[in-house]
Amino acid sequence: MKDNSEKTSLRRLLLEKRDGTSFDLMKIASKSILKKLKKIESFRDAQKIGAYYPIGSEVLTQDIMQEALSEGKEIFLPKVVGKNIEFRKIMNLSNLENGSFDIMEPRNECPVDNNLDVILVPTVGISPKGVRLGYGYGFYDRFLAENKIKTISLTFEKQIVKNIPQSEHDVIINWIVTEDRIIDTSKIR
């Protein structure tokens, strides 16, 4: 499939680009992204927030989770179960353990709840229209196809690309937050 090889090479290029970011720069950009994230009403008003624990050179989400927890909001992280993910509530970051793909996941005793107000989606690349390029496993697309939840992609500005080949199963992201701007994708389509 032409679409897949296009996505694969774009994914490789974007990961190389992102992996070249220094940790100091990632910290600065992540702080800026957190400030901008708080300007989105869907996030500010959310009580039940789906988040993710960062791997590699992803936007650092630990401060976002800590701040939300300290404000009395509930935080849920994905746990891989077979070919799918489910979201489990954590009380703090010590509720996590090393899971599938070497990603920190909630422990088994953390309660499952997929009925979230908003979900922060890990992103390798994204178009301004909200077509997201993930890691290629389809976990988030399958989850979001079944659970209609407002989505926010946290990504570095250099991960935004004009066009990403779209497959019929790709779920369009509602908001994109980078260190430089906030994009409401419904205004671009």
N, C-alpha and C. Protein backbone atom coordinates (compact mmCIF):
# COMPACT_ATOMS: atom_id res chain seq x y z
N MET A 1 0.83 -1.20 0.00
CA MET A 1 0.00 0.00 0.00
C MET A 1 0.87 1.25 0.00
N LYS A 2 0.65 2.07 -0.99
CA LYS A 2 1.42 3.30 -1.14
C LYS A 2 1.28 4.18 0.11
N ASP A 3 0.05 4.28 0.59
CA ASP A 3 -0.26 5.10 1.76
C ASP A 3 0.62 4.73 2.95
N ASN A 4 0.75 3.42 3.21
CA ASN A 4 1.54 2.97 4.36
C ASN A 4 3.01 3.30 4.25
N SER A 5 3.61 3.09 3.05
CA SER A 5 5.04 3.37 2.92
C SER A 5 5.29 4.87 3.01
N GLU A 6 4.34 5.67 2.51
CA GLU A 6 4.44 7.13 2.64
C GLU A 6 4.43 7.52 4.13
N LYS A 7 3.49 6.94 4.87
CA LYS A 7 3.37 7.23 6.30
C LYS A 7 4.63 6.76 7.04
N THR A 8 5.13 5.58 6.67
CA THR A 8 6.30 5.02 7.33
C THR A 8 7.52 5.92 7.15
N SER A 9 7.75 6.40 5.93
CA SER A 9 8.93 7.25 5.71
C SER A 9 8.74 8.62 6.36
N LEU A 10 7.51 9.15 6.34
CA LEU A 10 7.24 10.43 7.00
C LEU A 10 7.43 10.29 8.51
N ARG A 11 6.95 9.17 9.07
CA ARG A 11 7.11 8.90 10.50
C ARG A 11 8.59 8.87 10.88
N ARG A 12 9.39 8.16 10.09
CA ARG A 12 10.83 8.05 10.36
C ARG A 12 11.49 9.43 10.33
N LEU A 13 11.16 10.22 9.30
CA LEU A 13 11.73 11.57 9.15
C LEU A 13 11.36 12.46 10.34
N LEU A 14 10.08 12.44 10.73
CA LEU A 14 9.62 13.29 11.83
C LEU A 14 10.20 12.86 13.17
N LEU A 15 10.34 11.56 13.38
CA LEU A 15 10.93 11.08 14.64
C LEU A 15 12.42 11.47 14.71
N GLU A 16 13.12 11.37 13.59
CA GLU A 16 14.53 11.80 13.57
C GLU A 16 14.64 13.27 13.92
N LYS A 17 13.75 14.07 13.31
CA LYS A 17 13.75 15.51 13.55
C LYS A 17 13.48 15.81 15.03
N ARG A 18 12.45 15.14 15.58
CA ARG A 18 12.07 15.37 16.97
C ARG A 18 13.14 14.86 17.93
N ASP A 19 13.72 13.70 17.62
CA ASP A 19 14.75 13.11 18.49
C ASP A 19 16.00 13.98 18.56
N GLY A 20 16.17 14.88 17.60
CA GLY A 20 17.33 15.78 17.59
C GLY A 20 17.16 16.97 18.53
N THR A 21 16.01 17.05 19.19
CA THR A 21 15.74 18.17 20.11
C THR A 21 16.47 17.94 21.43
N SER A 22 17.17 18.95 21.91
CA SER A 22 17.86 18.81 23.20
C SER A 22 16.83 18.73 24.33
N PHE A 23 17.20 18.09 25.43
CA PHE A 23 16.28 17.94 26.56
C PHE A 23 15.90 19.32 27.12
N ASP A 24 16.85 20.24 27.17
CA ASP A 24 16.56 21.59 27.68
C ASP A 24 15.50 22.29 26.83
N LEU A 25 15.64 22.14 25.52
CA LEU A 25 14.68 22.75 24.60
C LEU A 25 13.30 22.08 24.75
N MET A 26 13.30 20.76 24.95
CA MET A 26 12.04 20.03 25.17
C MET A 26 11.34 20.53 26.43
N LYS A 27 12.12 20.78 27.49
CA LYS A 27 11.54 21.28 28.75
C LYS A 27 10.92 22.66 28.55
N ILE A 28 11.63 23.54 27.86
CA ILE A 28 11.14 24.91 27.63
C ILE A 28 9.87 24.87 26.78
N ALA A 29 9.91 24.11 25.68
CA ALA A 29 8.75 24.01 24.78
C ALA A 29 7.56 23.37 25.50
N SER A 30 7.82 22.34 26.32
CA SER A 30 6.74 21.66 27.05
C SER A 30 6.06 22.61 28.03
N LYS A 31 6.83 23.48 28.70
CA LYS A 31 6.24 24.47 29.62
C LYS A 31 5.34 25.44 28.85
N SER A 32 5.80 25.87 27.69
CA SER A 32 5.02 26.77 26.84
C SER A 32 3.73 26.09 26.37
N ILE A 33 3.82 24.81 26.03
CA ILE A 33 2.65 24.04 25.59
C ILE A 33 1.63 23.93 26.73
N LEU A 34 2.11 23.70 27.96
CA LEU A 34 1.22 23.62 29.13
C LEU A 34 0.46 24.94 29.31
N LYS A 35 1.16 26.07 29.18
CA LYS A 35 0.49 27.39 29.32
C LYS A 35 -0.61 27.55 28.27
N LYS A 36 -0.31 27.17 27.03
CA LYS A 36 -1.29 27.31 25.95
C LYS A 36 -2.45 26.33 26.13
N LEU A 37 -2.15 25.13 26.58
CA LEU A 37 -3.17 24.10 26.79
C LEU A 37 -4.26 24.63 27.72
N LYS A 38 -3.87 25.38 28.74
CA LYS A 38 -4.83 25.89 29.73
C LYS A 38 -5.77 26.94 29.15
N LYS A 39 -5.48 27.43 27.94
CA LYS A 39 -6.36 28.41 27.29
C LYS A 39 -7.51 27.74 26.55
N ILE A 40 -7.43 26.42 26.38
CA ILE A 40 -8.50 25.70 25.67
C ILE A 40 -9.60 25.35 26.66
N GLU A 41 -10.79 25.86 26.40
CA GLU A 41 -11.92 25.68 27.32
C GLU A 41 -12.22 24.20 27.59
N SER A 42 -12.18 23.36 26.54
CA SER A 42 -12.47 21.92 26.72
C SER A 42 -11.52 21.29 27.72
N PHE A 43 -10.27 21.77 27.76
CA PHE A 43 -9.30 21.24 28.72
C PHE A 43 -9.53 21.85 30.10
N ARG A 44 -9.71 23.16 30.15
CA ARG A 44 -9.91 23.86 31.43
C ARG A 44 -11.12 23.31 32.18
N ASP A 45 -12.21 23.05 31.44
CA ASP A 45 -13.47 22.60 32.06
C ASP A 45 -13.50 21.10 32.34
N ALA A 46 -12.57 20.36 31.76
CA ALA A 46 -12.57 18.90 31.89
C ALA A 46 -12.31 18.47 33.33
N GLN A 47 -13.06 17.48 33.79
CA GLN A 47 -12.81 16.89 35.11
C GLN A 47 -12.06 15.57 34.95
N LYS A 48 -12.34 14.86 33.84
CA LYS A 48 -11.71 13.56 33.59
C LYS A 48 -10.84 13.68 32.33
N ILE A 49 -9.52 13.68 32.55
CA ILE A 49 -8.57 13.94 31.47
C ILE A 49 -7.77 12.68 31.15
N GLY A 50 -7.81 12.30 29.88
CA GLY A 50 -6.95 11.22 29.41
C GLY A 50 -5.61 11.83 29.04
N ALA A 51 -4.53 11.27 29.54
CA ALA A 51 -3.20 11.79 29.25
C ALA A 51 -2.31 10.63 28.84
N TYR A 52 -1.03 10.87 28.71
CA TYR A 52 -0.08 9.80 28.40
C TYR A 52 1.25 10.15 29.06
N TYR A 53 2.00 9.13 29.37
CA TYR A 53 3.33 9.33 29.95
C TYR A 53 4.31 9.40 28.77
N PRO A 54 5.13 10.46 28.69
CA PRO A 54 5.98 10.64 27.51
C PRO A 54 7.08 9.59 27.37
N ILE A 55 7.35 9.25 26.11
CA ILE A 55 8.48 8.37 25.81
C ILE A 55 9.39 9.12 24.83
N GLY A 56 10.67 8.81 24.87
CA GLY A 56 11.61 9.41 23.92
C GLY A 56 11.55 10.93 23.95
N SER A 57 11.32 11.51 22.79
CA SER A 57 11.35 12.97 22.66
C SER A 57 9.95 13.59 22.61
N GLU A 58 8.95 12.90 23.17
CA GLU A 58 7.59 13.45 23.19
C GLU A 58 7.52 14.65 24.13
N VAL A 59 6.47 15.47 23.93
CA VAL A 59 6.19 16.59 24.83
C VAL A 59 6.10 16.02 26.25
N LEU A 60 6.76 16.68 27.18
CA LEU A 60 6.78 16.24 28.58
C LEU A 60 5.42 16.54 29.21
N THR A 61 4.73 15.52 29.68
CA THR A 61 3.37 15.68 30.20
C THR A 61 3.28 15.59 31.72
N GLN A 62 4.40 15.30 32.39
CA GLN A 62 4.35 15.09 33.84
C GLN A 62 3.80 16.32 34.57
N ASP A 63 4.23 17.53 34.20
CA ASP A 63 3.74 18.75 34.87
C ASP A 63 2.25 18.96 34.63
N ILE A 64 1.81 18.64 33.41
CA ILE A 64 0.38 18.77 33.08
C ILE A 64 -0.43 17.87 34.01
N MET A 65 0.02 16.61 34.15
CA MET A 65 -0.71 15.66 35.00
C MET A 65 -0.67 16.09 36.46
N GLN A 66 0.51 16.48 36.95
CA GLN A 66 0.65 16.90 38.36
C GLN A 66 -0.26 18.08 38.67
N GLU A 67 -0.25 19.07 37.77
CA GLU A 67 -1.05 20.28 37.99
C GLU A 67 -2.55 19.93 37.99
N ALA A 68 -2.98 19.11 37.05
CA ALA A 68 -4.40 18.72 36.98
C ALA A 68 -4.81 17.97 38.25
N LEU A 69 -3.95 17.05 38.71
CA LEU A 69 -4.25 16.31 39.94
C LEU A 69 -4.35 17.25 41.13
N SER A 70 -3.45 18.23 41.20
CA SER A 70 -3.46 19.17 42.34
C SER A 70 -4.70 20.07 42.29
N GLU A 71 -5.30 20.23 41.11
CA GLU A 71 -6.53 21.02 40.97
C GLU A 71 -7.78 20.17 41.23
N GLY A 72 -7.57 18.90 41.60
CA GLY A 72 -8.71 18.03 41.90
C GLY A 72 -9.31 17.34 40.68
N LYS A 73 -8.64 17.45 39.55
CA LYS A 73 -9.14 16.76 38.35
C LYS A 73 -8.69 15.31 38.39
N GLU A 74 -9.35 14.46 37.61
CA GLU A 74 -8.99 13.05 37.54
C GLU A 74 -8.14 12.82 36.29
N ILE A 75 -7.08 12.03 36.45
CA ILE A 75 -6.17 11.73 35.34
C ILE A 75 -6.24 10.24 35.03
N PHE A 76 -6.34 9.93 33.73
CA PHE A 76 -6.42 8.56 33.25
C PHE A 76 -5.33 8.36 32.20
N LEU A 77 -4.62 7.25 32.30
CA LEU A 77 -3.59 6.93 31.32
C LEU A 77 -3.93 5.63 30.62
N PRO A 78 -3.44 5.47 29.38
CA PRO A 78 -3.77 4.27 28.63
C PRO A 78 -2.97 3.05 29.10
N LYS A 79 -3.64 1.91 29.02
CA LYS A 79 -2.98 0.63 29.26
C LYS A 79 -3.32 -0.25 28.07
N VAL A 80 -2.29 -0.86 27.49
CA VAL A 80 -2.51 -1.74 26.33
C VAL A 80 -3.09 -3.06 26.82
N VAL A 81 -4.21 -3.44 26.19
CA VAL A 81 -4.86 -4.71 26.50
C VAL A 81 -5.13 -5.38 25.15
N GLY A 82 -4.29 -6.34 24.80
CA GLY A 82 -4.41 -6.99 23.49
C GLY A 82 -4.09 -6.00 22.38
N LYS A 83 -5.06 -5.79 21.49
CA LYS A 83 -4.86 -4.86 20.36
C LYS A 83 -5.47 -3.49 20.65
N ASN A 84 -5.91 -3.29 21.88
CA ASN A 84 -6.59 -2.04 22.23
C ASN A 84 -5.96 -1.38 23.45
N ILE A 85 -6.44 -0.15 23.71
CA ILE A 85 -6.05 0.52 24.95
C ILE A 85 -7.32 0.80 25.74
N GLU A 86 -7.14 0.84 27.05
CA GLU A 86 -8.21 1.29 27.94
C GLU A 86 -7.57 2.30 28.88
N PHE A 87 -8.38 3.23 29.37
CA PHE A 87 -7.83 4.27 30.25
C PHE A 87 -8.13 3.92 31.70
N ARG A 88 -7.10 4.08 32.53
CA ARG A 88 -7.21 3.76 33.95
C ARG A 88 -6.84 4.98 34.78
N LYS A 89 -7.59 5.16 35.85
CA LYS A 89 -7.40 6.33 36.72
C LYS A 89 -6.15 6.15 37.59
N ILE A 90 -5.34 7.22 37.63
CA ILE A 90 -4.20 7.22 38.55
C ILE A 90 -4.39 8.32 39.58
N MET A 91 -3.88 8.09 40.78
CA MET A 91 -3.95 9.10 41.84
C MET A 91 -2.68 9.95 41.83
N ASN A 92 -1.57 9.32 41.41
CA ASN A 92 -0.29 10.02 41.28
C ASN A 92 0.61 9.17 40.37
N LEU A 93 1.80 9.69 40.08
CA LEU A 93 2.67 9.01 39.13
C LEU A 93 3.25 7.70 39.68
N SER A 94 3.13 7.48 40.99
CA SER A 94 3.62 6.21 41.55
C SER A 94 2.66 5.05 41.24
N ASN A 95 1.46 5.36 40.66
CA ASN A 95 0.52 4.33 40.23
C ASN A 95 0.92 3.71 38.89
N LEU A 96 2.09 4.10 38.37
CA LEU A 96 2.51 3.63 37.05
C LEU A 96 3.57 2.55 37.17
N GLU A 97 3.63 1.69 36.13
CA GLU A 97 4.67 0.68 36.04
C GLU A 97 5.05 0.53 34.57
N ASN A 98 6.21 -0.07 34.32
CA ASN A 98 6.66 -0.27 32.96
C ASN A 98 5.75 -1.28 32.28
N GLY A 99 5.16 -0.90 31.13
CA GLY A 99 4.21 -1.78 30.46
C GLY A 99 4.61 -2.07 29.03
N SER A 100 3.62 -2.26 28.19
CA SER A 100 3.84 -2.59 26.78
C SER A 100 4.70 -1.52 26.11
N PHE A 101 5.55 -1.95 25.19
CA PHE A 101 6.42 -1.06 24.42
C PHE A 101 7.32 -0.22 25.31
N ASP A 102 7.59 -0.68 26.54
CA ASP A 102 8.42 0.07 27.50
C ASP A 102 7.84 1.44 27.86
N ILE A 103 6.52 1.53 27.86
CA ILE A 103 5.83 2.77 28.19
C ILE A 103 5.26 2.63 29.60
N MET A 104 5.33 3.69 30.38
CA MET A 104 4.76 3.67 31.72
C MET A 104 3.24 3.62 31.62
N GLU A 105 2.65 2.61 32.27
CA GLU A 105 1.20 2.40 32.23
C GLU A 105 0.66 2.30 33.66
N PRO A 106 -0.65 2.54 33.82
CA PRO A 106 -1.26 2.36 35.14
C PRO A 106 -1.18 0.89 35.56
N ARG A 107 -1.03 0.67 36.86
CA ARG A 107 -1.01 -0.70 37.39
C ARG A 107 -2.39 -1.34 37.20
N ASN A 108 -2.44 -2.67 37.27
CA ASN A 108 -3.70 -3.39 37.06
C ASN A 108 -4.80 -3.00 38.04
N GLU A 109 -4.41 -2.62 39.27
CA GLU A 109 -5.45 -2.30 40.26
C GLU A 109 -6.10 -0.92 40.02
N CYS A 110 -5.55 -0.12 39.12
CA CYS A 110 -6.15 1.19 38.81
C CYS A 110 -7.46 0.97 38.06
N PRO A 111 -8.55 1.66 38.49
CA PRO A 111 -9.86 1.44 37.88
C PRO A 111 -9.95 1.94 36.43
N VAL A 112 -10.65 1.15 35.60
CA VAL A 112 -10.85 1.49 34.19
C VAL A 112 -12.02 2.46 34.05
N ASP A 113 -11.87 3.47 33.22
CA ASP A 113 -12.96 4.38 32.88
C ASP A 113 -12.62 5.05 31.55
N ASN A 114 -13.35 4.68 30.51
CA ASN A 114 -13.09 5.25 29.18
C ASN A 114 -14.01 6.41 28.85
N ASN A 115 -14.82 6.82 29.83
CA ASN A 115 -15.76 7.92 29.63
C ASN A 115 -15.10 9.23 30.07
N LEU A 116 -14.21 9.75 29.22
CA LEU A 116 -13.41 10.92 29.56
C LEU A 116 -13.98 12.19 28.93
N ASP A 117 -13.60 13.35 29.50
CA ASP A 117 -14.04 14.64 28.95
C ASP A 117 -13.15 15.08 27.79
N VAL A 118 -11.86 14.81 27.92
CA VAL A 118 -10.89 15.23 26.91
C VAL A 118 -9.71 14.27 26.97
N ILE A 119 -9.01 14.13 25.86
CA ILE A 119 -7.87 13.22 25.83
C ILE A 119 -6.69 13.88 25.12
N LEU A 120 -5.53 13.83 25.76
CA LEU A 120 -4.29 14.33 25.16
C LEU A 120 -3.69 13.17 24.38
N VAL A 121 -3.45 13.39 23.09
CA VAL A 121 -3.04 12.30 22.22
C VAL A 121 -1.58 12.44 21.80
N PRO A 122 -0.76 11.41 22.03
CA PRO A 122 0.64 11.48 21.60
C PRO A 122 0.71 11.54 20.07
N THR A 123 1.64 12.33 19.56
CA THR A 123 1.68 12.62 18.13
C THR A 123 3.09 12.60 17.59
N VAL A 124 3.29 11.93 16.45
CA VAL A 124 4.58 11.97 15.76
C VAL A 124 4.57 13.14 14.79
N GLY A 125 3.44 13.32 14.10
CA GLY A 125 3.27 14.43 13.17
C GLY A 125 1.80 14.72 13.02
N ILE A 126 1.47 15.93 12.56
CA ILE A 126 0.06 16.28 12.40
C ILE A 126 -0.06 17.39 11.36
N SER A 127 -1.18 17.36 10.61
CA SER A 127 -1.44 18.44 9.66
C SER A 127 -2.31 19.48 10.36
N PRO A 128 -2.31 20.72 9.88
CA PRO A 128 -3.15 21.75 10.51
C PRO A 128 -4.64 21.38 10.50
N LYS A 129 -5.05 20.46 9.61
CA LYS A 129 -6.45 20.02 9.57
C LYS A 129 -6.75 18.97 10.63
N GLY A 130 -5.72 18.51 11.35
CA GLY A 130 -5.94 17.54 12.42
C GLY A 130 -5.72 16.09 12.03
N VAL A 131 -5.15 15.85 10.85
CA VAL A 131 -4.82 14.47 10.47
C VAL A 131 -3.53 14.12 11.21
N ARG A 132 -3.62 13.14 12.09
CA ARG A 132 -2.52 12.79 12.99
C ARG A 132 -1.75 11.57 12.48
N LEU A 133 -0.45 11.65 12.65
CA LEU A 133 0.42 10.51 12.38
C LEU A 133 0.94 10.05 13.73
N GLY A 134 0.56 8.82 14.11
CA GLY A 134 1.02 8.26 15.37
C GLY A 134 2.18 7.32 15.12
N TYR A 135 2.30 6.31 15.96
CA TYR A 135 3.41 5.36 15.82
C TYR A 135 3.08 4.19 14.90
N GLY A 136 1.84 4.17 14.39
CA GLY A 136 1.49 3.16 13.40
C GLY A 136 0.81 1.91 13.92
N TYR A 137 0.49 1.88 15.22
CA TYR A 137 -0.16 0.69 15.77
C TYR A 137 -1.69 0.80 15.79
N GLY A 138 -2.21 2.03 15.64
CA GLY A 138 -3.66 2.23 15.56
C GLY A 138 -4.41 2.20 16.88
N PHE A 139 -3.70 2.15 18.01
CA PHE A 139 -4.38 2.08 19.31
C PHE A 139 -5.35 3.25 19.52
N TYR A 140 -4.86 4.48 19.30
CA TYR A 140 -5.69 5.66 19.55
C TYR A 140 -6.83 5.76 18.54
N ASP A 141 -6.56 5.46 17.26
CA ASP A 141 -7.63 5.51 16.26
C ASP A 141 -8.75 4.54 16.62
N ARG A 142 -8.41 3.31 17.02
CA ARG A 142 -9.44 2.34 17.40
C ARG A 142 -10.21 2.82 18.63
N PHE A 143 -9.48 3.32 19.63
CA PHE A 143 -10.13 3.79 20.86
C PHE A 143 -11.06 4.97 20.56
N LEU A 144 -10.57 5.95 19.80
CA LEU A 144 -11.35 7.16 19.54
C LEU A 144 -12.52 6.91 18.60
N ALA A 145 -12.43 5.88 17.76
CA ALA A 145 -13.56 5.53 16.89
C ALA A 145 -14.73 5.03 17.73
N GLU A 146 -14.42 4.37 18.84
CA GLU A 146 -15.47 3.83 19.72
C GLU A 146 -15.91 4.79 20.81
N ASN A 147 -15.04 5.73 21.17
CA ASN A 147 -15.33 6.66 22.28
C ASN A 147 -15.21 8.09 21.76
N LYS A 148 -16.35 8.75 21.61
CA LYS A 148 -16.34 10.12 21.07
C LYS A 148 -15.91 11.08 22.18
N ILE A 149 -14.65 11.47 22.13
CA ILE A 149 -14.06 12.33 23.16
C ILE A 149 -13.31 13.46 22.47
N LYS A 150 -13.38 14.67 23.02
CA LYS A 150 -12.60 15.80 22.48
C LYS A 150 -11.12 15.44 22.55
N THR A 151 -10.38 15.73 21.49
CA THR A 151 -8.96 15.36 21.42
C THR A 151 -8.07 16.58 21.28
N ILE A 152 -6.92 16.50 21.95
CA ILE A 152 -5.91 17.56 21.86
C ILE A 152 -4.56 16.89 21.60
N SER A 153 -3.91 17.33 20.53
CA SER A 153 -2.56 16.84 20.23
C SER A 153 -1.55 17.83 20.80
N LEU A 154 -0.65 17.32 21.63
CA LEU A 154 0.45 18.14 22.13
C LEU A 154 1.65 17.80 21.27
N THR A 155 2.19 18.78 20.59
CA THR A 155 3.28 18.49 19.66
C THR A 155 4.18 19.70 19.49
N PHE A 156 5.40 19.44 19.10
CA PHE A 156 6.32 20.55 18.83
C PHE A 156 6.00 21.12 17.46
N GLU A 157 6.21 22.41 17.31
CA GLU A 157 5.92 23.11 16.06
C GLU A 157 6.53 22.40 14.85
N LYS A 158 7.73 21.85 15.02
CA LYS A 158 8.40 21.21 13.88
C LYS A 158 7.75 19.89 13.47
N GLN A 159 6.75 19.43 14.23
CA GLN A 159 6.06 18.18 13.89
C GLN A 159 4.81 18.44 13.02
N ILE A 160 4.51 19.73 12.80
CA ILE A 160 3.35 20.05 11.96
C ILE A 160 3.78 20.02 10.50
N VAL A 161 3.06 19.22 9.72
CA VAL A 161 3.36 19.08 8.29
C VAL A 161 2.12 19.45 7.48
N LYS A 162 2.34 20.02 6.32
CA LYS A 162 1.24 20.49 5.49
C LYS A 162 0.22 19.38 5.21
N ASN A 163 0.71 18.23 4.79
CA ASN A 163 -0.19 17.13 4.45
C ASN A 163 0.30 15.82 5.02
N ILE A 164 -0.63 15.04 5.57
CA ILE A 164 -0.33 13.69 6.03
C ILE A 164 -1.32 12.79 5.30
N PRO A 165 -0.84 11.71 4.67
CA PRO A 165 -1.77 10.81 3.98
C PRO A 165 -2.82 10.31 4.99
N GLN A 166 -4.09 10.44 4.62
CA GLN A 166 -5.16 10.06 5.55
C GLN A 166 -5.79 8.73 5.15
N SER A 167 -5.93 7.85 6.11
CA SER A 167 -6.62 6.58 5.90
C SER A 167 -8.04 6.73 6.44
N GLU A 168 -8.94 5.87 5.99
CA GLU A 168 -10.34 6.02 6.43
C GLU A 168 -10.51 5.83 7.93
N HIS A 169 -9.60 5.08 8.59
CA HIS A 169 -9.75 4.85 10.03
C HIS A 169 -9.10 5.96 10.89
N ASP A 170 -8.41 6.90 10.25
CA ASP A 170 -7.76 7.98 11.00
C ASP A 170 -8.80 8.90 11.63
N VAL A 171 -8.68 9.15 12.92
CA VAL A 171 -9.58 10.04 13.63
C VAL A 171 -8.97 11.45 13.61
N ILE A 172 -9.78 12.44 13.26
CA ILE A 172 -9.31 13.83 13.18
C ILE A 172 -9.22 14.40 14.60
N ILE A 173 -8.10 15.04 14.89
CA ILE A 173 -7.85 15.67 16.20
C ILE A 173 -8.54 17.04 16.24
N ASN A 174 -9.17 17.38 17.39
CA ASN A 174 -9.90 18.65 17.51
C ASN A 174 -8.99 19.87 17.69
N TRP A 175 -7.96 19.71 18.51
CA TRP A 175 -7.07 20.84 18.84
C TRP A 175 -5.61 20.40 18.71
N ILE A 176 -4.76 21.32 18.28
CA ILE A 176 -3.32 21.09 18.25
C ILE A 176 -2.68 22.19 19.08
N VAL A 177 -1.82 21.81 20.02
CA VAL A 177 -1.12 22.80 20.84
C VAL A 177 0.38 22.59 20.65
N THR A 178 1.06 23.65 20.21
CA THR A 178 2.52 23.62 20.09
C THR A 178 3.07 24.69 21.01
N GLU A 179 4.40 24.80 21.04
CA GLU A 179 5.01 25.85 21.85
C GLU A 179 4.71 27.24 21.30
N ASP A 180 4.27 27.33 20.02
CA ASP A 180 4.04 28.63 19.39
C ASP A 180 2.58 29.02 19.22
N ARG A 181 1.69 28.02 19.14
CA ARG A 181 0.30 28.36 18.81
C ARG A 181 -0.68 27.25 19.20
N ILE A 182 -1.97 27.65 19.13
CA ILE A 182 -3.08 26.73 19.33
C ILE A 182 -3.86 26.70 18.02
N ILE A 183 -4.16 25.51 17.53
CA ILE A 183 -4.93 25.40 16.29
C ILE A 183 -6.23 24.67 16.60
N ASP A 184 -7.35 25.32 16.29
CA ASP A 184 -8.67 24.70 16.37
C ASP A 184 -8.90 24.12 14.97
N THR A 185 -8.78 22.81 14.82
CA THR A 185 -8.82 22.20 13.48
C THR A 185 -10.19 22.34 12.81
N SER A 186 -11.25 22.57 13.57
CA SER A 186 -12.57 22.72 12.97
C SER A 186 -12.65 24.01 12.14
N LYS A 187 -11.77 24.96 12.42
CA LYS A 187 -11.76 26.23 11.69
C LYS A 187 -10.94 26.13 10.39
N ILE A 188 -10.25 25.01 10.19
CA ILE A 188 -9.38 24.87 9.04
C ILE A 188 -10.00 23.95 7.98
N ARG A 189 -10.79 23.00 8.41
CA ARG A 189 -11.37 22.02 7.45
C ARG A 189 -12.26 22.63 6.43
